[in-house]
């Protein structure tokens, strides 16, 4: 009987010690987490200046020429450069396409003479026949190359149209006149005005000044 009582007392004692140890461990863990949190708050700066990638900054800068940036990542630097240029040209094409389509839609609704095609086909024709060549002849004016931790390379490029925006607009207007795409001078002037407004609106909405 006494032996059973002794065993029972030993069991209770071990339970009390175990609970105390568990509570102490939990408290120590809580103290550590609080200390860690305070350390992180002390090390975290109150504010951090973000730097703009140079190619993006150049694309956003004031310029007489249309600009756009592109980026690509590859394990082969040459591939990354080529794909970044392609991305930049696609961005520029998207910018001009939005402006052309808006101008074509306005022309279809307000032309002084019945038009020969729909706004959609007119916009597509202008992009493929007159604009695509200008985009393909763009030049790279800035390049940034980053070596990533996984061994790949990330590239940014900024491209620029060789002709100024005014030269590009005048050339396009002359070609539309010569080919009879938009016959009346009034309609061509309105088309180019709406296209210019569309480009400016696109730049503002996409932070491309």
N, C-alpha and C. Protein backbone atom coordinates (compact mmCIF):
# COMPACT_ATOMS: atom_id res chain seq x y z
N UNK A 1 0.83 -1.21 0.00
CA UNK A 1 0.00 0.00 0.00
C UNK A 1 0.86 1.25 0.00
N UNK A 2 1.86 1.23 0.87
CA UNK A 2 2.78 2.38 0.94
C UNK A 2 3.53 2.54 -0.38
N UNK A 3 3.86 1.41 -0.98
CA UNK A 3 4.58 1.47 -2.25
C UNK A 3 3.73 2.14 -3.32
N UNK A 4 2.43 1.83 -3.32
CA UNK A 4 1.53 2.46 -4.29
C UNK A 4 1.41 3.96 -4.05
N UNK A 5 1.37 4.34 -2.77
CA UNK A 5 1.29 5.77 -2.45
C UNK A 5 2.54 6.52 -2.90
N UNK A 6 3.67 5.87 -2.69
CA UNK A 6 4.95 6.50 -3.10
C UNK A 6 4.98 6.69 -4.61
N UNK A 7 4.55 5.65 -5.35
CA UNK A 7 4.54 5.74 -6.81
C UNK A 7 3.59 6.84 -7.29
N UNK A 8 2.43 6.95 -6.60
CA UNK A 8 1.46 7.98 -6.97
C UNK A 8 2.03 9.38 -6.73
N UNK A 9 2.73 9.54 -5.59
CA UNK A 9 3.34 10.84 -5.28
C UNK A 9 4.43 11.19 -6.30
N UNK A 10 5.21 10.18 -6.70
CA UNK A 10 6.25 10.43 -7.70
C UNK A 10 5.64 10.84 -9.04
N UNK A 11 4.49 10.21 -9.38
CA UNK A 11 3.81 10.54 -10.63
C UNK A 11 3.30 11.98 -10.61
N UNK A 12 2.69 12.39 -9.47
CA UNK A 12 2.20 13.76 -9.36
C UNK A 12 3.34 14.77 -9.45
N UNK A 13 4.46 14.42 -8.81
CA UNK A 13 5.62 15.32 -8.81
C UNK A 13 6.14 15.52 -10.23
N UNK A 14 6.23 14.40 -10.99
CA UNK A 14 6.73 14.51 -12.36
C UNK A 14 5.79 15.31 -13.23
N UNK A 15 4.47 15.18 -12.98
CA UNK A 15 3.50 15.95 -13.76
C UNK A 15 3.65 17.43 -13.48
N UNK A 16 3.81 17.81 -12.21
CA UNK A 16 3.97 19.22 -11.84
C UNK A 16 5.24 19.80 -12.45
N UNK A 17 6.33 19.03 -12.39
CA UNK A 17 7.59 19.51 -12.96
C UNK A 17 7.48 19.66 -14.47
N UNK A 18 6.81 18.66 -15.10
CA UNK A 18 6.64 18.71 -16.55
C UNK A 18 5.83 19.90 -16.99
N UNK A 19 4.74 20.21 -16.29
CA UNK A 19 3.91 21.36 -16.63
C UNK A 19 4.67 22.66 -16.45
N UNK A 20 5.43 22.72 -15.36
CA UNK A 20 6.21 23.93 -15.11
C UNK A 20 7.26 24.14 -16.17
N UNK A 21 7.89 23.04 -16.59
CA UNK A 21 8.91 23.14 -17.62
C UNK A 21 8.30 23.56 -18.95
N UNK A 22 7.09 23.00 -19.23
CA UNK A 22 6.41 23.36 -20.49
C UNK A 22 6.01 24.82 -20.50
N UNK A 23 5.47 25.29 -19.35
CA UNK A 23 5.09 26.70 -19.26
C UNK A 23 6.30 27.61 -19.39
N UNK A 24 7.40 27.20 -18.78
CA UNK A 24 8.61 28.01 -18.85
C UNK A 24 9.14 28.07 -20.28
N UNK A 25 9.06 26.90 -20.99
CA UNK A 25 9.52 26.85 -22.37
C UNK A 25 8.65 27.75 -23.26
N UNK A 26 7.33 27.69 -23.04
CA UNK A 26 6.42 28.52 -23.82
C UNK A 26 6.67 30.00 -23.55
N UNK A 27 6.94 30.33 -22.29
CA UNK A 27 7.19 31.72 -21.94
C UNK A 27 8.49 32.20 -22.56
N UNK A 28 9.53 31.32 -22.54
CA UNK A 28 10.80 31.69 -23.14
C UNK A 28 10.66 31.89 -24.65
N UNK A 29 9.84 31.03 -25.27
CA UNK A 29 9.60 31.16 -26.70
C UNK A 29 8.88 32.46 -27.01
N UNK A 30 7.92 32.83 -26.19
CA UNK A 30 7.19 34.09 -26.37
C UNK A 30 8.14 35.27 -26.22
N UNK A 31 9.03 35.20 -25.20
CA UNK A 31 10.01 36.27 -24.99
C UNK A 31 10.92 36.40 -26.21
N UNK A 32 11.32 35.28 -26.77
CA UNK A 32 12.21 35.31 -27.93
C UNK A 32 11.52 35.93 -29.14
N UNK A 33 10.27 35.54 -29.35
CA UNK A 33 9.52 36.09 -30.48
C UNK A 33 9.32 37.59 -30.33
N UNK A 34 9.05 38.05 -29.12
CA UNK A 34 8.89 39.48 -28.88
C UNK A 34 10.20 40.22 -29.12
N UNK A 35 11.30 39.63 -28.65
CA UNK A 35 12.62 40.23 -28.85
C UNK A 35 12.94 40.31 -30.34
N UNK A 36 12.65 39.23 -31.07
CA UNK A 36 12.91 39.19 -32.51
C UNK A 36 12.10 40.23 -33.25
N UNK A 37 10.83 40.38 -32.85
CA UNK A 37 9.96 41.37 -33.49
C UNK A 37 10.48 42.78 -33.26
N UNK A 38 10.93 43.06 -32.03
CA UNK A 38 11.45 44.39 -31.71
C UNK A 38 12.73 44.68 -32.49
N UNK A 39 13.57 43.64 -32.63
CA UNK A 39 14.79 43.82 -33.39
C UNK A 39 14.51 44.13 -34.85
N UNK A 40 13.53 43.44 -35.42
CA UNK A 40 13.17 43.68 -36.81
C UNK A 40 12.61 45.08 -37.01
N UNK A 41 11.81 45.54 -36.05
CA UNK A 41 11.26 46.88 -36.14
C UNK A 41 12.34 47.94 -36.04
N UNK A 42 13.35 47.67 -35.20
CA UNK A 42 14.45 48.63 -35.05
C UNK A 42 15.32 48.67 -36.29
N UNK A 43 15.51 47.50 -36.95
CA UNK A 43 16.36 47.44 -38.13
C UNK A 43 15.68 47.94 -39.38
N UNK A 44 14.34 47.89 -39.41
CA UNK A 44 13.60 48.31 -40.60
C UNK A 44 13.65 49.83 -40.73
N UNK A 45 14.10 50.35 -41.86
CA UNK A 45 14.17 51.81 -42.03
C UNK A 45 12.77 52.42 -42.08
N UNK A 46 12.69 53.67 -41.64
CA UNK A 46 11.40 54.35 -41.63
C UNK A 46 10.88 54.57 -43.04
N UNK A 47 11.77 54.73 -44.01
CA UNK A 47 11.39 54.84 -45.41
C UNK A 47 12.56 54.46 -46.29
N UNK A 48 12.25 53.96 -47.47
CA UNK A 48 13.29 53.51 -48.40
C UNK A 48 13.05 54.16 -49.76
N UNK A 49 14.07 54.77 -50.30
CA UNK A 49 13.97 55.40 -51.61
C UNK A 49 14.02 54.34 -52.69
N UNK A 50 13.00 54.33 -53.54
CA UNK A 50 12.99 53.41 -54.66
C UNK A 50 13.65 54.06 -55.88
N UNK A 51 14.57 53.34 -56.49
CA UNK A 51 15.23 53.86 -57.68
C UNK A 51 14.56 53.30 -58.93
N UNK A 52 14.40 54.12 -59.94
CA UNK A 52 13.76 53.70 -61.17
C UNK A 52 14.81 53.08 -62.09
N UNK A 53 14.47 51.97 -62.71
CA UNK A 53 15.37 51.32 -63.65
C UNK A 53 15.70 52.33 -64.76
N UNK A 54 16.99 52.50 -65.11
CA UNK A 54 17.40 53.53 -66.08
C UNK A 54 16.67 53.49 -67.41
N UNK A 55 16.42 52.30 -67.95
CA UNK A 55 15.74 52.20 -69.24
C UNK A 55 14.28 52.66 -69.14
N UNK A 56 13.65 52.35 -68.02
CA UNK A 56 12.27 52.82 -67.81
C UNK A 56 12.25 54.33 -67.66
N UNK A 57 13.23 54.85 -66.91
CA UNK A 57 13.31 56.30 -66.72
C UNK A 57 13.52 57.00 -68.05
N UNK A 58 14.37 56.44 -68.91
CA UNK A 58 14.63 57.06 -70.21
C UNK A 58 13.39 57.01 -71.09
N UNK A 59 12.65 55.90 -71.02
CA UNK A 59 11.43 55.79 -71.82
C UNK A 59 10.38 56.80 -71.36
N UNK A 60 10.40 57.13 -70.07
CA UNK A 60 9.43 58.08 -69.51
C UNK A 60 9.86 59.53 -69.64
N UNK A 61 11.12 59.75 -70.02
CA UNK A 61 11.64 61.12 -70.08
C UNK A 61 11.06 61.87 -71.28
N UNK A 62 11.08 63.20 -71.17
CA UNK A 62 10.62 64.04 -72.27
C UNK A 62 11.52 63.83 -73.49
N UNK A 63 10.91 63.67 -74.66
CA UNK A 63 11.70 63.42 -75.86
C UNK A 63 10.89 63.81 -77.09
N UNK A 64 11.59 64.23 -78.14
CA UNK A 64 10.92 64.52 -79.41
C UNK A 64 10.58 63.24 -80.17
N UNK A 65 11.16 62.14 -79.75
CA UNK A 65 10.95 60.86 -80.42
C UNK A 65 10.12 59.93 -79.54
N UNK A 66 9.33 59.09 -80.16
CA UNK A 66 8.60 58.07 -79.41
C UNK A 66 9.57 57.06 -78.83
N UNK A 67 9.37 56.69 -77.57
CA UNK A 67 10.23 55.73 -76.89
C UNK A 67 9.40 54.66 -76.20
N UNK A 68 10.05 53.55 -75.94
CA UNK A 68 9.43 52.47 -75.18
C UNK A 68 10.53 51.61 -74.59
N UNK A 69 10.23 50.94 -73.48
CA UNK A 69 11.21 50.04 -72.88
C UNK A 69 10.70 48.60 -72.97
N UNK A 70 11.62 47.66 -72.85
CA UNK A 70 11.27 46.25 -72.84
C UNK A 70 12.20 45.50 -71.91
N UNK A 71 11.79 44.33 -71.49
CA UNK A 71 12.63 43.52 -70.59
C UNK A 71 12.45 42.05 -70.91
N UNK A 72 13.48 41.27 -70.61
CA UNK A 72 13.43 39.82 -70.83
C UNK A 72 14.50 39.16 -69.96
N UNK A 73 14.28 37.89 -69.64
CA UNK A 73 15.23 37.12 -68.83
C UNK A 73 15.54 35.81 -69.53
N UNK A 74 16.83 35.45 -69.56
CA UNK A 74 17.25 34.20 -70.19
C UNK A 74 18.61 33.79 -69.62
N UNK A 75 18.93 32.53 -69.78
CA UNK A 75 20.26 32.05 -69.39
C UNK A 75 21.30 32.37 -70.46
N UNK A 76 20.83 32.84 -71.60
CA UNK A 76 21.74 33.24 -72.68
C UNK A 76 21.58 34.75 -72.89
N UNK A 77 22.65 35.49 -72.69
CA UNK A 77 22.57 36.95 -72.74
C UNK A 77 22.07 37.45 -74.09
N UNK A 78 22.56 36.85 -75.16
CA UNK A 78 22.15 37.28 -76.50
C UNK A 78 20.64 37.12 -76.70
N UNK A 79 20.10 36.03 -76.18
CA UNK A 79 18.66 35.78 -76.28
C UNK A 79 17.88 36.81 -75.47
N UNK A 80 18.36 37.10 -74.26
CA UNK A 80 17.70 38.08 -73.40
C UNK A 80 17.68 39.46 -74.07
N UNK A 81 18.79 39.85 -74.70
CA UNK A 81 18.85 41.14 -75.39
C UNK A 81 17.85 41.19 -76.55
N UNK A 82 17.82 40.11 -77.32
CA UNK A 82 16.91 40.07 -78.47
C UNK A 82 15.45 40.12 -78.03
N UNK A 83 15.13 39.36 -76.98
CA UNK A 83 13.75 39.32 -76.50
C UNK A 83 13.34 40.64 -75.84
N UNK A 84 14.28 41.31 -75.20
CA UNK A 84 13.98 42.60 -74.59
C UNK A 84 13.67 43.64 -75.68
N UNK A 85 14.42 43.60 -76.77
CA UNK A 85 14.15 44.51 -77.89
C UNK A 85 12.77 44.21 -78.49
N UNK A 86 12.46 42.92 -78.62
CA UNK A 86 11.16 42.53 -79.15
C UNK A 86 10.03 43.04 -78.24
N UNK A 87 10.24 42.90 -76.94
CA UNK A 87 9.23 43.36 -75.98
C UNK A 87 9.04 44.87 -76.08
N UNK A 88 10.13 45.60 -76.23
CA UNK A 88 10.05 47.06 -76.35
C UNK A 88 9.29 47.46 -77.62
N UNK A 89 9.58 46.79 -78.73
CA UNK A 89 8.88 47.10 -79.98
C UNK A 89 7.40 46.77 -79.89
N UNK A 90 7.09 45.68 -79.19
CA UNK A 90 5.68 45.33 -79.00
C UNK A 90 4.96 46.39 -78.17
N UNK A 91 5.65 46.92 -77.16
CA UNK A 91 5.05 47.99 -76.34
C UNK A 91 4.80 49.24 -77.17
N UNK A 92 5.78 49.59 -78.01
CA UNK A 92 5.61 50.76 -78.86
C UNK A 92 4.48 50.54 -79.87
N UNK A 93 4.42 49.34 -80.44
CA UNK A 93 3.35 49.03 -81.38
C UNK A 93 1.99 49.13 -80.72
N UNK A 94 1.88 48.66 -79.48
CA UNK A 94 0.61 48.74 -78.75
C UNK A 94 0.20 50.19 -78.53
N UNK A 95 1.19 51.02 -78.18
CA UNK A 95 0.92 52.44 -77.96
C UNK A 95 0.38 53.10 -79.22
N UNK A 96 1.04 52.86 -80.36
CA UNK A 96 0.63 53.49 -81.61
C UNK A 96 -0.70 52.89 -82.09
N UNK A 97 -0.88 51.60 -81.89
CA UNK A 97 -2.10 50.94 -82.34
C UNK A 97 -3.33 51.51 -81.66
N UNK A 98 -3.23 51.74 -80.37
CA UNK A 98 -4.36 52.33 -79.63
C UNK A 98 -4.70 53.70 -80.20
N UNK A 99 -3.67 54.50 -80.49
CA UNK A 99 -3.90 55.84 -81.04
C UNK A 99 -4.49 55.78 -82.45
N UNK A 100 -3.97 54.87 -83.28
CA UNK A 100 -4.46 54.72 -84.65
C UNK A 100 -5.91 54.25 -84.66
N UNK A 101 -6.22 53.27 -83.83
CA UNK A 101 -7.58 52.74 -83.80
C UNK A 101 -8.58 53.79 -83.32
N UNK A 102 -8.17 54.59 -82.35
CA UNK A 102 -9.04 55.67 -81.89
C UNK A 102 -9.29 56.70 -82.98
N UNK A 103 -8.22 57.06 -83.70
CA UNK A 103 -8.36 58.02 -84.80
C UNK A 103 -9.20 57.45 -85.93
N UNK A 104 -9.03 56.15 -86.23
CA UNK A 104 -9.81 55.50 -87.29
C UNK A 104 -11.29 55.45 -86.93
N UNK A 105 -11.58 55.20 -85.66
CA UNK A 105 -12.96 55.18 -85.21
C UNK A 105 -13.60 56.56 -85.35
N UNK A 106 -12.86 57.59 -84.98
CA UNK A 106 -13.37 58.95 -85.12
C UNK A 106 -13.58 59.29 -86.60
N UNK A 107 -12.64 58.87 -87.44
CA UNK A 107 -12.75 59.14 -88.88
C UNK A 107 -13.99 58.47 -89.48
N UNK A 108 -14.24 57.21 -89.05
CA UNK A 108 -15.39 56.48 -89.57
C UNK A 108 -16.70 57.16 -89.19
N UNK A 109 -16.71 57.84 -88.05
CA UNK A 109 -17.94 58.48 -87.57
C UNK A 109 -18.11 59.90 -88.10
N UNK A 110 -16.99 60.57 -88.44
CA UNK A 110 -17.07 61.99 -88.77
C UNK A 110 -16.48 62.36 -90.13
N UNK A 111 -16.18 61.40 -90.97
CA UNK A 111 -15.56 61.70 -92.26
C UNK A 111 -16.47 62.58 -93.11
N UNK A 112 -15.85 63.52 -93.81
CA UNK A 112 -16.61 64.42 -94.68
C UNK A 112 -17.12 63.69 -95.92
N UNK A 113 -16.54 62.54 -96.22
CA UNK A 113 -16.95 61.76 -97.38
C UNK A 113 -17.07 60.30 -96.94
N UNK A 114 -17.97 59.57 -97.58
CA UNK A 114 -18.15 58.16 -97.24
C UNK A 114 -16.82 57.42 -97.37
N UNK A 115 -16.48 56.67 -96.34
CA UNK A 115 -15.19 55.97 -96.36
C UNK A 115 -15.31 54.65 -97.10
N UNK A 116 -14.17 54.16 -97.59
CA UNK A 116 -14.14 52.95 -98.39
C UNK A 116 -14.04 51.69 -97.54
N UNK A 117 -13.68 51.84 -96.28
CA UNK A 117 -13.49 50.67 -95.42
C UNK A 117 -13.98 50.98 -94.01
N UNK A 118 -14.07 49.95 -93.18
CA UNK A 118 -14.48 50.15 -91.80
C UNK A 118 -13.32 50.69 -90.98
N UNK A 119 -13.66 51.16 -89.78
CA UNK A 119 -12.61 51.69 -88.90
C UNK A 119 -11.58 50.62 -88.57
N UNK A 120 -12.06 49.38 -88.38
CA UNK A 120 -11.14 48.29 -88.03
C UNK A 120 -10.16 47.98 -89.14
N UNK A 121 -10.66 47.87 -90.37
CA UNK A 121 -9.77 47.55 -91.49
C UNK A 121 -8.85 48.72 -91.82
N UNK A 122 -9.34 49.94 -91.62
CA UNK A 122 -8.49 51.11 -91.85
C UNK A 122 -7.33 51.14 -90.86
N UNK A 123 -7.65 50.92 -89.58
CA UNK A 123 -6.60 50.91 -88.56
C UNK A 123 -5.58 49.82 -88.79
N UNK A 124 -6.05 48.63 -89.17
CA UNK A 124 -5.14 47.51 -89.44
C UNK A 124 -4.26 47.81 -90.64
N UNK A 125 -4.86 48.41 -91.68
CA UNK A 125 -4.10 48.75 -92.88
C UNK A 125 -2.99 49.75 -92.58
N UNK A 126 -3.30 50.76 -91.79
CA UNK A 126 -2.31 51.78 -91.45
C UNK A 126 -1.17 51.18 -90.64
N UNK A 127 -1.51 50.30 -89.68
CA UNK A 127 -0.49 49.69 -88.84
C UNK A 127 0.45 48.81 -89.67
N UNK A 128 -0.10 48.00 -90.57
CA UNK A 128 0.73 47.04 -91.31
C UNK A 128 1.49 47.69 -92.46
N UNK A 129 0.88 48.66 -93.13
CA UNK A 129 1.50 49.24 -94.33
C UNK A 129 2.44 50.41 -94.03
N UNK A 130 2.15 51.16 -92.97
CA UNK A 130 2.90 52.41 -92.75
C UNK A 130 3.65 52.46 -91.41
N UNK A 131 3.08 51.85 -90.39
CA UNK A 131 3.66 51.99 -89.05
C UNK A 131 4.66 50.88 -88.74
N UNK A 132 4.38 49.67 -89.18
CA UNK A 132 5.23 48.53 -88.84
C UNK A 132 6.69 48.75 -89.23
N UNK A 133 6.91 49.34 -90.39
CA UNK A 133 8.27 49.61 -90.85
C UNK A 133 8.99 50.59 -89.93
N UNK A 134 8.28 51.61 -89.48
CA UNK A 134 8.88 52.61 -88.58
C UNK A 134 9.29 51.96 -87.26
N UNK A 135 8.46 51.05 -86.77
CA UNK A 135 8.76 50.38 -85.50
C UNK A 135 9.96 49.44 -85.65
N UNK A 136 10.02 48.74 -86.78
CA UNK A 136 11.14 47.80 -87.00
C UNK A 136 12.48 48.53 -87.13
N UNK A 137 12.43 49.82 -87.50
CA UNK A 137 13.66 50.60 -87.67
C UNK A 137 14.07 51.38 -86.42
N UNK A 138 13.42 51.09 -85.30
CA UNK A 138 13.79 51.78 -84.06
C UNK A 138 15.20 51.38 -83.64
N UNK A 139 15.81 52.22 -82.81
CA UNK A 139 17.18 51.95 -82.35
C UNK A 139 17.20 51.86 -80.83
N UNK A 140 18.11 51.04 -80.32
CA UNK A 140 18.30 50.91 -78.87
C UNK A 140 19.18 52.06 -78.39
N UNK A 141 18.71 52.80 -77.38
CA UNK A 141 19.48 53.94 -76.88
C UNK A 141 19.96 53.74 -75.44
N UNK A 142 19.49 52.68 -74.78
CA UNK A 142 19.94 52.40 -73.41
C UNK A 142 19.76 50.92 -73.12
N UNK A 143 20.73 50.33 -72.42
CA UNK A 143 20.66 48.91 -72.06
C UNK A 143 21.13 48.71 -70.62
N UNK A 144 20.40 47.89 -69.88
CA UNK A 144 20.80 47.50 -68.52
C UNK A 144 20.80 45.98 -68.45
N UNK A 145 21.88 45.41 -67.88
CA UNK A 145 22.00 43.96 -67.79
C UNK A 145 22.24 43.58 -66.33
N UNK A 146 21.44 42.64 -65.82
CA UNK A 146 21.54 42.20 -64.43
C UNK A 146 21.82 40.70 -64.39
N UNK A 147 22.82 40.30 -63.59
CA UNK A 147 23.09 38.88 -63.35
C UNK A 147 22.27 38.44 -62.15
N UNK A 148 21.40 37.46 -62.33
CA UNK A 148 20.52 36.97 -61.27
C UNK A 148 21.15 35.81 -60.53
N UNK A 149 20.62 35.53 -59.33
CA UNK A 149 21.23 34.52 -58.46
C UNK A 149 21.13 33.11 -59.03
N UNK A 150 20.17 32.85 -59.90
CA UNK A 150 20.03 31.51 -60.46
C UNK A 150 20.89 31.30 -61.71
N UNK A 151 21.71 32.30 -62.04
CA UNK A 151 22.60 32.18 -63.19
C UNK A 151 22.04 32.76 -64.47
N UNK A 152 20.80 33.20 -64.43
CA UNK A 152 20.20 33.79 -65.63
C UNK A 152 20.55 35.28 -65.71
N UNK A 153 20.18 35.89 -66.82
CA UNK A 153 20.47 37.29 -67.08
C UNK A 153 19.16 38.02 -67.38
N UNK A 154 18.95 39.14 -66.72
CA UNK A 154 17.79 39.97 -67.00
C UNK A 154 18.25 41.24 -67.70
N UNK A 155 17.58 41.55 -68.79
CA UNK A 155 17.97 42.69 -69.62
C UNK A 155 16.81 43.66 -69.75
N UNK A 156 17.13 44.95 -69.66
CA UNK A 156 16.19 46.02 -69.97
C UNK A 156 16.78 46.82 -71.13
N UNK A 157 15.94 47.23 -72.06
CA UNK A 157 16.38 48.13 -73.12
C UNK A 157 15.37 49.25 -73.29
N UNK A 158 15.85 50.38 -73.78
CA UNK A 158 14.98 51.48 -74.17
C UNK A 158 15.21 51.73 -75.64
N UNK A 159 14.13 51.72 -76.43
CA UNK A 159 14.26 51.97 -77.86
C UNK A 159 13.64 53.32 -78.20
N UNK A 160 14.05 53.85 -79.35
CA UNK A 160 13.57 55.16 -79.79
C UNK A 160 13.31 55.12 -81.29
N UNK A 161 12.23 55.71 -81.73
CA UNK A 161 11.96 55.82 -83.16
C UNK A 161 12.95 56.80 -83.78
N UNK A 162 13.48 56.47 -84.95
CA UNK A 162 14.51 57.31 -85.56
C UNK A 162 13.98 58.69 -85.94
N UNK A 163 12.77 58.74 -86.47
CA UNK A 163 12.16 60.03 -86.79
C UNK A 163 11.52 60.63 -85.55
N UNK A 164 11.50 61.96 -85.49
CA UNK A 164 10.79 62.60 -84.39
C UNK A 164 9.29 62.33 -84.53
N UNK A 165 8.56 62.60 -83.47
CA UNK A 165 7.11 62.37 -83.52
C UNK A 165 6.46 63.22 -84.60
N UNK A 166 6.91 64.46 -84.76
CA UNK A 166 6.36 65.34 -85.80
C UNK A 166 6.70 64.81 -87.20
N UNK A 167 7.95 64.36 -87.37
CA UNK A 167 8.35 63.81 -88.67
C UNK A 167 7.57 62.54 -89.00
N UNK A 168 7.37 61.72 -87.99
CA UNK A 168 6.60 60.49 -88.18
C UNK A 168 5.16 60.81 -88.60
N UNK A 169 4.55 61.79 -87.93
CA UNK A 169 3.17 62.18 -88.26
C UNK A 169 3.07 62.75 -89.67
N UNK A 170 4.03 63.64 -90.03
CA UNK A 170 4.01 64.24 -91.38
C UNK A 170 4.20 63.18 -92.46
N UNK A 171 5.09 62.24 -92.21
CA UNK A 171 5.34 61.17 -93.18
C UNK A 171 4.10 60.31 -93.35
N UNK A 172 3.45 59.98 -92.25
CA UNK A 172 2.24 59.16 -92.32
C UNK A 172 1.13 59.89 -93.05
N UNK A 173 0.97 61.17 -92.77
CA UNK A 173 -0.09 61.95 -93.43
C UNK A 173 0.16 62.02 -94.93
N UNK A 174 1.40 62.20 -95.36
CA UNK A 174 1.72 62.25 -96.79
C UNK A 174 1.45 60.92 -97.48
N UNK A 175 1.77 59.83 -96.79
CA UNK A 175 1.55 58.52 -97.39
C UNK A 175 0.05 58.21 -97.49
N UNK A 176 -0.72 58.63 -96.51
CA UNK A 176 -2.18 58.44 -96.57
C UNK A 176 -2.77 59.24 -97.73
N UNK A 177 -2.20 60.40 -97.97
CA UNK A 177 -2.67 61.24 -99.08
C UNK A 177 -2.27 60.65 -100.42
N UNK A 178 -1.02 60.25 -100.53
CA UNK A 178 -0.51 59.72 -101.80
C UNK A 178 -1.23 58.45 -102.23
N UNK A 179 -1.52 57.57 -101.28
CA UNK A 179 -2.18 56.31 -101.60
C UNK A 179 -3.70 56.42 -101.62
N UNK A 180 -4.21 57.60 -101.31
CA UNK A 180 -5.65 57.79 -101.34
C UNK A 180 -6.40 57.07 -100.25
N UNK A 181 -5.72 56.73 -99.15
CA UNK A 181 -6.37 56.02 -98.05
C UNK A 181 -7.39 56.92 -97.37
N UNK A 182 -6.98 58.17 -97.13
CA UNK A 182 -7.91 59.20 -96.64
C UNK A 182 -7.81 60.35 -97.64
N UNK A 183 -8.83 60.51 -98.44
CA UNK A 183 -8.73 61.38 -99.60
C UNK A 183 -8.72 62.86 -99.28
N UNK A 184 -9.60 63.30 -98.40
CA UNK A 184 -9.74 64.74 -98.16
C UNK A 184 -8.72 65.24 -97.15
N UNK A 185 -8.17 66.42 -97.42
CA UNK A 185 -7.20 67.04 -96.53
C UNK A 185 -7.77 67.25 -95.14
N UNK A 186 -9.02 67.69 -95.08
CA UNK A 186 -9.68 67.92 -93.78
C UNK A 186 -9.71 66.64 -92.95
N UNK A 187 -10.07 65.54 -93.60
CA UNK A 187 -10.15 64.26 -92.89
C UNK A 187 -8.77 63.80 -92.43
N UNK A 188 -7.75 64.02 -93.27
CA UNK A 188 -6.39 63.63 -92.88
C UNK A 188 -5.91 64.45 -91.69
N UNK A 189 -6.18 65.75 -91.71
CA UNK A 189 -5.77 66.60 -90.60
C UNK A 189 -6.46 66.17 -89.30
N UNK A 190 -7.73 65.87 -89.40
CA UNK A 190 -8.48 65.45 -88.21
C UNK A 190 -7.95 64.09 -87.71
N UNK A 191 -7.67 63.21 -88.66
CA UNK A 191 -7.14 61.89 -88.29
C UNK A 191 -5.84 62.02 -87.52
N UNK A 192 -4.91 62.83 -88.05
CA UNK A 192 -3.61 62.99 -87.40
C UNK A 192 -3.74 63.66 -86.05
N UNK A 193 -4.68 64.61 -85.94
CA UNK A 193 -4.91 65.27 -84.65
C UNK A 193 -5.41 64.28 -83.60
N UNK A 194 -6.38 63.44 -84.01
CA UNK A 194 -6.92 62.45 -83.08
C UNK A 194 -5.86 61.40 -82.72
N UNK A 195 -5.03 61.07 -83.66
CA UNK A 195 -3.96 60.12 -83.38
C UNK A 195 -2.97 60.71 -82.38
N UNK A 196 -2.61 61.98 -82.57
CA UNK A 196 -1.70 62.64 -81.65
C UNK A 196 -2.29 62.71 -80.24
N UNK A 197 -3.57 63.03 -80.16
CA UNK A 197 -4.25 63.08 -78.86
C UNK A 197 -4.26 61.70 -78.21
N UNK A 198 -4.45 60.67 -79.04
CA UNK A 198 -4.45 59.31 -78.52
C UNK A 198 -3.11 58.90 -77.96
N UNK A 199 -2.03 59.30 -78.64
CA UNK A 199 -0.68 59.00 -78.14
C UNK A 199 -0.42 59.68 -76.81
N UNK A 200 -0.80 60.95 -76.70
CA UNK A 200 -0.61 61.69 -75.45
C UNK A 200 -1.41 61.07 -74.31
N UNK A 201 -2.63 60.68 -74.61
CA UNK A 201 -3.47 60.06 -73.59
C UNK A 201 -2.88 58.73 -73.14
N UNK A 202 -2.39 57.95 -74.09
CA UNK A 202 -1.78 56.67 -73.76
C UNK A 202 -0.55 56.86 -72.86
N UNK A 203 0.27 57.83 -73.21
CA UNK A 203 1.48 58.10 -72.42
C UNK A 203 1.13 58.47 -70.99
N UNK A 204 0.12 59.32 -70.81
CA UNK A 204 -0.27 59.74 -69.46
C UNK A 204 -0.82 58.57 -68.66
N UNK A 205 -1.68 57.77 -69.31
CA UNK A 205 -2.29 56.66 -68.61
C UNK A 205 -1.29 55.56 -68.26
N UNK A 206 -0.23 55.47 -69.04
CA UNK A 206 0.80 54.43 -68.81
C UNK A 206 2.11 55.00 -68.31
N UNK A 207 2.06 56.26 -67.87
CA UNK A 207 3.24 56.94 -67.31
C UNK A 207 4.37 57.00 -68.30
N UNK A 208 4.05 57.18 -69.58
CA UNK A 208 5.07 57.36 -70.63
C UNK A 208 4.94 58.78 -71.12
N UNK A 209 5.79 59.66 -70.66
CA UNK A 209 5.67 61.08 -70.99
C UNK A 209 6.30 61.37 -72.33
